[in-house]
C-alpha atoms as a PDB file:
ATOM      1  CA  MET A   1       0.007   0.047  -0.011  1.00  0.00           C
ATOM      2  CA  THR A   2       1.247   3.575  -0.799  1.00  0.00           C
ATOM      3  CA  VAL A   3       0.690   6.122   1.828  1.00  0.00           C
ATOM      4  CA  PRO A   4       0.005   9.663   0.776  1.00  0.00           C
ATOM      5  CA  GLU A   5       2.940  11.998   0.852  1.00  0.00           C
ATOM      6  CA  GLY A   6       2.974  13.755   4.180  1.00  0.00           C
ATOM      7  CA  GLY A   7       0.377  11.200   5.441  1.00  0.00           C
ATOM      8  CA  SER A   8       0.145   8.527   7.884  1.00  0.00           C
ATOM      9  CA  MET A   9      -0.763   4.882   7.159  1.00  0.00           C
ATOM     10  CA  SER A  10      -4.383   5.689   8.845  1.00  0.00           C
ATOM     11  CA  ASP A  11      -4.945   8.242   6.281  1.00  0.00           C
ATOM     12  CA  ALA A  12      -4.271   5.849   3.370  1.00  0.00           C
ATOM     13  CA  LYS A  13      -7.267   4.565   1.810  1.00  0.00           C
ATOM     14  CA  GLY A  14      -7.829   0.615   2.302  1.00  0.00           C
ATOM     15  CA  VAL A  15      -9.170  -2.218   0.567  1.00  0.00           C
ATOM     16  CA  GLU A  16     -12.677  -2.403   1.525  1.00  0.00           C
ATOM     17  CA  ALA A  17     -13.334  -6.322   1.198  1.00  0.00           C
ATOM     18  CA  VAL A  18     -10.126  -6.866   2.844  1.00  0.00           C
ATOM     19  CA  GLU A  19     -11.051  -4.719   6.076  1.00  0.00           C
ATOM     20  CA  ARG A  20     -14.592  -6.303   6.154  1.00  0.00           C
ATOM     21  CA  ALA A  21     -12.690  -9.880   6.275  1.00  0.00           C
ATOM     22  CA  LEU A  22     -10.523  -8.835   9.122  1.00  0.00           C
ATOM     23  CA  GLN A  23     -13.754  -7.422  10.786  1.00  0.00           C
ATOM     24  CA  ILE A  24     -15.023 -10.913  10.754  1.00  0.00           C
ATOM     25  CA  MET A  25     -11.844 -12.432  12.454  1.00  0.00           C
ATOM     26  CA  ASP A  26     -11.702  -9.636  14.905  1.00  0.00           C
ATOM     27  CA  CYS A  27     -15.171 -10.819  16.153  1.00  0.00           C
ATOM     28  CA  PHE A  28     -13.544 -14.126  17.690  1.00  0.00           C
ATOM     29  CA  SER A  29     -12.129 -14.117  20.946  1.00  0.00           C
ATOM     30  CA  PRO A  30     -11.140 -16.768  23.841  1.00  0.00           C
ATOM     31  CA  GLY A  31     -14.659 -16.090  25.143  1.00  0.00           C
ATOM     32  CA  THR A  32     -16.573 -16.596  21.970  1.00  0.00           C
ATOM     33  CA  PRO A  33     -14.368 -18.982  19.925  1.00  0.00           C
ATOM     34  CA  GLU A  34     -17.318 -20.175  17.671  1.00  0.00           C
ATOM     35  CA  LEU A  35     -19.809 -17.918  16.199  1.00  0.00           C
ATOM     36  CA  GLY A  36     -22.864 -18.151  14.208  1.00  0.00           C
ATOM     37  CA  LEU A  37     -23.875 -16.012  11.045  1.00  0.00           C
ATOM     38  CA  ALA A  38     -26.213 -13.673  12.925  1.00  0.00           C
ATOM     39  CA  ASP A  39     -23.409 -13.313  15.685  1.00  0.00           C
ATOM     40  CA  ILE A  40     -21.014 -11.915  13.095  1.00  0.00           C
ATOM     41  CA  ALA A  41     -23.506  -9.949  11.411  1.00  0.00           C
ATOM     42  CA  ARG A  42     -24.370  -8.111  14.756  1.00  0.00           C
ATOM     43  CA  GLN A  43     -20.903  -7.531  15.703  1.00  0.00           C
ATOM     44  CA  THR A  44     -19.724  -6.265  12.262  1.00  0.00           C
ATOM     45  CA  GLY A  45     -22.967  -4.435  10.938  1.00  0.00           C
ATOM     46  CA  GLN A  46     -22.430  -6.634   7.506  1.00  0.00           C
ATOM     47  CA  TYR A  47     -25.236  -8.052   5.542  1.00  0.00           C
ATOM     48  CA  LYS A  48     -25.309 -11.848   6.145  1.00  0.00           C
ATOM     49  CA  SER A  49     -24.787 -12.308   2.201  1.00  0.00           C
ATOM     50  CA  THR A  50     -21.377 -10.286   2.549  1.00  0.00           C
ATOM     51  CA  ILE A  51     -20.250 -12.415   5.138  1.00  0.00           C
ATOM     52  CA  LEU A  52     -20.931 -15.587   3.448  1.00  0.00           C
ATOM     53  CA  ARG A  53     -19.107 -14.770   0.518  1.00  0.00           C
ATOM     54  CA  LEU A  54     -15.925 -13.755   2.888  1.00  0.00           C
ATOM     55  CA  ALA A  55     -16.183 -16.662   4.575  1.00  0.00           C
ATOM     56  CA  VAL A  56     -15.857 -18.865   1.425  1.00  0.00           C
ATOM     57  CA  SER A  57     -12.448 -17.362   0.850  1.00  0.00           C
ATOM     58  CA  LEU A  58     -11.522 -17.242   4.570  1.00  0.00           C
ATOM     59  CA  GLU A  59     -12.260 -20.992   4.709  1.00  0.00           C
ATOM     60  CA  ARG A  60     -10.394 -21.645   1.314  1.00  0.00           C
ATOM     61  CA  PHE A  61      -7.027 -20.139   2.699  1.00  0.00           C
ATOM     62  CA  GLY A  62      -7.589 -21.815   6.235  1.00  0.00           C
ATOM     63  CA  TYR A  63      -8.578 -18.535   8.413  1.00  0.00           C
ATOM     64  CA  LEU A  64     -11.909 -20.041   9.148  1.00  0.00           C
ATOM     65  CA  ILE A  65     -13.367 -23.352   9.605  1.00  0.00           C
ATOM     66  CA  ARG A  66     -17.135 -24.180   9.390  1.00  0.00           C
ATOM     67  CA  ILE A  67     -18.587 -26.419  11.896  1.00  0.00           C
ATOM     68  CA  GLU A  68     -21.293 -28.165  12.569  1.00  0.00           C
ATOM     69  CA  GLY A  69     -24.585 -26.033  12.911  1.00  0.00           C
ATOM     70  CA  GLY A  70     -23.133 -23.622  10.189  1.00  0.00           C
ATOM     71  CA  ARG A  71     -21.066 -21.799  12.819  1.00  0.00           C
ATOM     72  CA  TYR A  72     -17.659 -20.778  12.307  1.00  0.00           C
ATOM     73  CA  ARG A  73     -14.371 -20.791  14.359  1.00  0.00           C
ATOM     74  CA  LEU A  74     -10.987 -19.676  13.420  1.00  0.00           C
ATOM     75  CA  GLY A  75      -8.733 -21.962  11.045  1.00  0.00           C
ATOM     76  CA  PRO A  76      -4.842 -23.261  11.245  1.00  0.00           C
ATOM     77  CA  ALA A  77      -3.879 -20.292   9.133  1.00  0.00           C
ATOM     78  CA  ILE A  78      -4.458 -18.180  12.190  1.00  0.00           C
ATOM     79  CA  TRP A  79      -2.012 -20.434  14.238  1.00  0.00           C
ATOM     80  CA  ARG A  80       0.652 -20.311  11.633  1.00  0.00           C
ATOM     81  CA  LEU A  81       0.574 -16.579  11.480  1.00  0.00           C
ATOM     82  CA  GLY A  82       0.790 -16.336  15.209  1.00  0.00           C
ATOM     83  CA  SER A  83       3.902 -18.988  15.151  1.00  0.00           C
ATOM     84  CA  THR A  84       5.572 -16.557  12.775  1.00  0.00           C
ATOM     85  CA  TYR A  85       4.966 -13.510  14.846  1.00  0.00           C
ATOM     86  CA  ARG A  86       6.095 -15.416  18.038  1.00  0.00           C
ATOM     87  CA  GLN A  87       9.537 -16.208  16.229  1.00  0.00           C
ATOM     88  CA  GLY A  88      10.148 -12.622  15.847  1.00  0.00           C
ATOM     89  CA  PHE A  89      10.401 -12.716  19.776  1.00  0.00           C
ATOM     90  CA  ASP A  90      13.327 -15.558  19.701  1.00  0.00           C
ATOM     91  CA  LEU A  91      11.226 -17.882  21.640  1.00  0.00           C
ATOM     92  CA  SER A  92      14.004 -20.489  21.058  1.00  0.00           C
ATOM     93  CA  ASP A  93      16.381 -18.470  22.876  1.00  0.00           C
ATOM     94  CA  ILE A  94      14.333 -18.556  26.101  1.00  0.00           C
ATOM     95  CA  MET A  95      12.859 -22.106  25.689  1.00  0.00           C
ATOM     96  CA  ARG A  96      15.845 -24.069  24.552  1.00  0.00           C
ATOM     97  CA  PRO A  97      18.048 -23.097  27.939  1.00  0.00           C
ATOM     98  CA  GLU A  98      14.961 -23.838  30.032  1.00  0.00           C
ATOM     99  CA  LEU A  99      14.137 -27.177  28.520  1.00  0.00           C
ATOM    100  CA  LYS A 100      18.116 -28.040  28.893  1.00  0.00           C
ATOM    101  CA  LEU A 101      17.693 -27.063  32.798  1.00  0.00           C
ATOM    102  CA  LEU A 102      14.718 -29.245  32.976  1.00  0.00           C
ATOM    103  CA  SER A 103      16.288 -32.116  31.207  1.00  0.00           C
ATOM    104  CA  ASP A 104      19.281 -31.922  33.556  1.00  0.00           C
ATOM    105  CA  ALA A 105      17.269 -31.806  36.335  1.00  0.00           C
ATOM    106  CA  THR A 106      14.914 -34.835  35.812  1.00  0.00           C
ATOM    107  CA  ASN A 107      17.557 -36.716  33.735  1.00  0.00           C
ATOM    108  CA  GLU A 108      14.658 -37.208  30.961  1.00  0.00           C
ATOM    109  CA  THR A 109      13.753 -35.731  27.779  1.00  0.00           C
ATOM    110  CA  ALA A 110      12.046 -32.292  28.197  1.00  0.00           C
ATOM    111  CA  SER A 111       9.891 -30.789  25.430  1.00  0.00           C
ATOM    112  CA  TYR A 112       7.408 -27.992  24.354  1.00  0.00           C
ATOM    113  CA  TYR A 113       4.149 -28.355  22.345  1.00  0.00           C
ATOM    114  CA  VAL A 114       1.628 -26.200  20.927  1.00  0.00           C
ATOM    115  CA  ARG A 115      -1.539 -27.360  19.565  1.00  0.00           C
ATOM    116  CA  GLU A 116      -2.400 -27.176  15.885  1.00  0.00           C
ATOM    117  CA  GLY A 117      -5.861 -28.106  15.118  1.00  0.00           C
ATOM    118  CA  ASN A 118      -6.424 -31.714  16.167  1.00  0.00           C
ATOM    119  CA  THR A 119      -2.925 -32.321  16.791  1.00  0.00           C
ATOM    120  CA  ARG A 120      -0.072 -31.269  18.907  1.00  0.00           C
ATOM    121  CA  THR A 121       3.561 -30.172  17.404  1.00  0.00           C
ATOM    122  CA  CYS A 122       6.829 -30.440  18.954  1.00  0.00           C
ATOM    123  CA  LEU A 123       8.609 -27.053  18.635  1.00  0.00           C
ATOM    124  CA  PHE A 124      11.521 -27.675  21.076  1.00  0.00           C
ATOM    125  CA  ARG A 125      13.076 -30.318  22.822  1.00  0.00           C
ATOM    126  CA  SER A 126      16.120 -31.191  24.895  1.00  0.00           C
ATOM    127  CA  GLU A 127      17.365 -34.854  25.427  1.00  0.00           C
ATOM    128  CA  PRO A 128      19.455 -36.201  28.294  1.00  0.00           C
ATOM    129  CA  THR A 129      22.902 -37.811  27.818  1.00  0.00           C
ATOM    130  CA  ARG A 130      21.594 -41.239  28.934  1.00  0.00           C
ATOM    131  CA  SER A 131      21.763 -43.965  26.706  1.00  0.00           C
ATOM    132  CA  ILE A 132      18.298 -45.202  26.803  1.00  0.00           C
ATOM    133  CA  ARG A 133      15.937 -42.367  26.498  1.00  0.00           C
ATOM    134  CA  HIS A 134      12.482 -40.963  24.813  1.00  0.00           C
ATOM    135  CA  SER A 135      13.827 -39.385  21.387  1.00  0.00           C
ATOM    136  CA  ILE A 136      11.628 -36.759  19.926  1.00  0.00           C
ATOM    137  CA  ALA A 137      12.228 -34.892  16.826  1.00  0.00           C
ATOM    138  CA  GLU A 138      11.320 -31.069  16.779  1.00  0.00           C
ATOM    139  CA  GLY A 139       8.581 -30.441  14.340  1.00  0.00           C
ATOM    140  CA  VAL A 140       6.674 -33.812  14.605  1.00  0.00           C
ATOM    141  CA  ASN A 141       3.054 -33.883  15.057  1.00  0.00           C
ATOM    142  CA  MET A 142       1.322 -36.098  17.611  1.00  0.00           C
ATOM    143  CA  PRO A 143      -2.267 -37.046  18.571  1.00  0.00           C
ATOM    144  CA  LEU A 144      -3.747 -34.268  20.753  1.00  0.00           C
ATOM    145  CA  GLY A 145      -6.158 -36.459  22.727  1.00  0.00           C
ATOM    146  CA  ARG A 146      -3.188 -39.028  24.090  1.00  0.00           C
ATOM    147  CA  GLY A 147       0.244 -38.145  26.153  1.00  0.00           C
ATOM    148  CA  ALA A 148       0.404 -35.647  28.903  1.00  0.00           C
ATOM    149  CA  THR A 149       1.173 -32.567  26.939  1.00  0.00           C
ATOM    150  CA  GLY A 150      -1.882 -33.539  24.686  1.00  0.00           C
ATOM    151  CA  LYS A 151      -3.996 -33.711  27.449  1.00  0.00           C
ATOM    152  CA  ILE A 152      -2.930 -30.408  29.012  1.00  0.00           C
ATOM    153  CA  LEU A 153      -3.381 -28.884  25.725  1.00  0.00           C
ATOM    154  CA  MET A 154      -6.796 -30.327  25.395  1.00  0.00           C
ATOM    155  CA  ALA A 155      -7.705 -29.471  28.903  1.00  0.00           C
ATOM    156  CA  TYR A 156      -6.543 -25.562  28.545  1.00  0.00           C
ATOM    157  CA  SER A 157      -7.816 -24.919  25.170  1.00  0.00           C
ATOM    158  CA  VAL A 158     -10.975 -22.746  24.946  1.00  0.00           C
ATOM    159  CA  PRO A 159     -13.715 -23.747  25.299  1.00  0.00           C
ATOM    160  CA  LEU A 160     -12.989 -25.677  28.669  1.00  0.00           C
ATOM    161  CA  ASP A 161     -13.989 -29.110  28.069  1.00  0.00           C
ATOM    162  CA  PRO A 162     -15.561 -30.694  31.168  1.00  0.00           C
ATOM    163  CA  ALA A 163     -13.795 -34.051  31.137  1.00  0.00           C
ATOM    164  CA  TYR A 164     -10.432 -32.516  31.576  1.00  0.00           C
ATOM    165  CA  GLU A 165     -11.600 -30.720  34.818  1.00  0.00           C
ATOM    166  CA  ASP A 166      -9.490 -33.021  36.879  1.00  0.00           C
ATOM    167  CA  ILE A 167      -6.642 -32.078  35.299  1.00  0.00           C
ATOM    168  CA  ARG A 168      -7.180 -28.304  35.300  1.00  0.00           C
ATOM    169  CA  ALA A 169      -7.816 -28.685  39.001  1.00  0.00           C
ATOM    170  CA  ALA A 170      -4.412 -30.445  39.722  1.00  0.00           C
ATOM    171  CA  GLY A 171      -2.558 -28.213  37.076  1.00  0.00           C
ATOM    172  CA  TYR A 172      -0.603 -31.173  35.776  1.00  0.00           C
ATOM    173  CA  ALA A 173      -1.234 -34.470  33.686  1.00  0.00           C
ATOM    174  CA  VAL A 174       0.371 -37.627  33.654  1.00  0.00           C
ATOM    175  CA  SER A 175       0.428 -40.510  30.743  1.00  0.00           C
ATOM    176  CA  LEU A 176       1.781 -43.906  31.216  1.00  0.00           C
ATOM    177  CA  GLY A 177       1.999 -45.785  28.098  1.00  0.00           C
ATOM    178  CA  GLU A 178      -0.957 -44.095  26.089  1.00  0.00           C
ATOM    179  CA  ARG A 179       0.746 -43.360  22.931  1.00  0.00           C
ATOM    180  CA  ASP A 180       3.554 -45.766  23.253  1.00  0.00           C
ATOM    181  CA  PRO A 181       3.231 -48.839  25.992  1.00  0.00           C
ATOM    182  CA  GLU A 182       6.927 -48.223  26.797  1.00  0.00           C
ATOM    183  CA  VAL A 183       6.726 -44.209  27.493  1.00  0.00           C
ATOM    184  CA  ALA A 184       5.140 -42.138  30.106  1.00  0.00           C
ATOM    185  CA  ALA A 185       5.333 -38.542  30.708  1.00  0.00           C
ATOM    186  CA  MET A 186       4.309 -35.743  33.030  1.00  0.00           C
ATOM    187  CA  ALA A 187       3.270 -31.954  31.556  1.00  0.00           C
ATOM    188  CA  VAL A 188       2.206 -28.644  32.714  1.00  0.00           C
ATOM    189  CA  PRO A 189       0.717 -25.663  31.134  1.00  0.00           C
ATOM    190  CA  ILE A 190       2.450 -22.701  29.888  1.00  0.00           C
ATOM    191  CA  ALA A 191      -0.251 -19.827  30.087  1.00  0.00           C
ATOM    192  CA  THR A 192      -0.205 -15.891  30.058  1.00  0.00           C
ATOM    193  CA  PRO A 193      -1.316 -14.009  33.467  1.00  0.00           C
ATOM    194  CA  ASP A 194      -4.958 -13.847  31.993  1.00  0.00           C
ATOM    195  CA  GLY A 195      -5.120 -17.558  31.542  1.00  0.00           C
ATOM    196  CA  ARG A 196      -4.655 -17.771  27.726  1.00  0.00           C
ATOM    197  CA  LEU A 197      -2.773 -21.089  26.702  1.00  0.00           C
ATOM    198  CA  LEU A 198       0.384 -20.777  25.064  1.00  0.00           C
ATOM    199  CA  GLY A 199       1.576 -24.419  24.976  1.00  0.00           C
ATOM    200  CA  ALA A 200       2.606 -27.323  27.382  1.00  0.00           C
ATOM    201  CA  ILE A 201       5.994 -28.500  28.510  1.00  0.00           C
ATOM    202  CA  GLY A 202       6.718 -31.998  29.408  1.00  0.00           C
ATOM    203  CA  VAL A 203       9.069 -34.522  30.581  1.00  0.00           C
ATOM    204  CA  SER A 204       8.877 -38.157  28.983  1.00  0.00           C
ATOM    205  CA  GLY A 205      11.111 -41.163  29.381  1.00  0.00           C
ATOM    206  CA  LEU A 206      10.851 -45.353  29.988  1.00  0.00           C
ATOM    207  CA  ILE A 207       7.867 -45.866  31.861  1.00  0.00           C
ATOM    208  CA  THR A 208       9.926 -47.818  34.245  1.00  0.00           C
ATOM    209  CA  ARG A 209      11.368 -44.605  35.537  1.00  0.00           C
ATOM    210  CA  PHE A 210       8.233 -42.755  36.336  1.00  0.00           C
ATOM    211  CA  GLY A 211       6.878 -44.649  39.347  1.00  0.00           C
ATOM    212  CA  PRO A 212       4.333 -42.956  41.857  1.00  0.00           C
ATOM    213  CA  ASP A 213       7.437 -42.283  43.914  1.00  0.00           C
ATOM    214  CA  ARG A 214       9.321 -40.205  41.528  1.00  0.00           C
ATOM    215  CA  HIS A 215       6.288 -37.871  40.488  1.00  0.00           C
ATOM    216  CA  PRO A 216       6.855 -35.396  43.199  1.00  0.00           C
ATOM    217  CA  GLN A 217      10.482 -34.700  42.033  1.00  0.00           C
ATOM    218  CA  LEU A 218       9.279 -34.483  38.510  1.00  0.00           C
ATOM    219  CA  LEU A 219       6.821 -32.234  38.990  1.00  0.00           C
ATOM    220  CA  ALA A 220       8.537 -30.114  41.152  1.00  0.00           C
ATOM    221  CA  ALA A 221      11.023 -29.873  38.257  1.00  0.00           C
ATOM    222  CA  LEU A 222       8.292 -29.036  35.919  1.00  0.00           C
ATOM    223  CA  ARG A 223       6.762 -26.345  38.269  1.00  0.00           C
ATOM    224  CA  ASP A 224      10.218 -24.367  38.499  1.00  0.00           C
ATOM    225  CA  CYS A 225      10.593 -24.554  34.569  1.00  0.00           C
ATOM    226  CA  GLN A 226       6.866 -23.393  34.510  1.00  0.00           C
ATOM    227  CA  LYS A 227       7.495 -20.382  36.655  1.00  0.00           C
ATOM    228  CA  ARG A 228      10.726 -19.348  34.983  1.00  0.00           C
ATOM    229  CA  LEU A 229       9.202 -19.480  31.493  1.00  0.00           C
ATOM    230  CA  THR A 230       6.008 -17.636  32.368  1.00  0.00           C
ATOM    231  CA  ASP A 231       8.114 -14.835  33.842  1.00  0.00           C
ATOM    232  CA  GLN A 232      10.272 -14.866  30.773  1.00  0.00           C
ATOM    233  CA  ILE A 233       7.799 -14.882  28.045  1.00  0.00           C
ATOM    234  CA  THR A 234       4.774 -13.014  29.455  1.00  0.00           C
ATOM    235  CA  GLY A 235       7.249 -10.489  31.545  1.00  0.00           C
END
């Protein structure tokens, strides 16, 4: 876009169709993750026919998803853009040292996952030096409903699912052989001060090393890492 000489970006004439599409996406919030056509029309003041035409394009490019009952929610393209935005803050510079500390404290694999649609993606991980360990590749997608980090992402995603109330009350999740019969894990959420979920950190290793007597030590290490990360990411 060209800005008129001597003017500002706010003075420049925009593209009306683009602005209307952005108005639609701005209707969604943590408190209203799903909206019907009438809801969007009421918030934007746009005609329903206009919203439907714009929604087709937004769906095609992954910015909206049409769900049961003709309602809409934001699509995975929003997450990708958000990920690109967060990379500008050099999240890896914060996350990698903290995961290394967590791995050293537990002598297990430490990882950070985010939700992507119906899967979870490992963005960062740090593995211990021990020869027998749980190895995870960064960038790998895994099932969302299985595994400790997956359950954390499900438990704290909006809208809150009543099925995960026990996990939210405890503040952590444990999995014992859910995805792999030989692997166990424990995880906690990473969230903003207002409760918005960012991701989940977890430790994982052989199930024989995750007996109940070791849970307090693992949870204490996770809590320490959780506090340090939250302070740095949101501070």
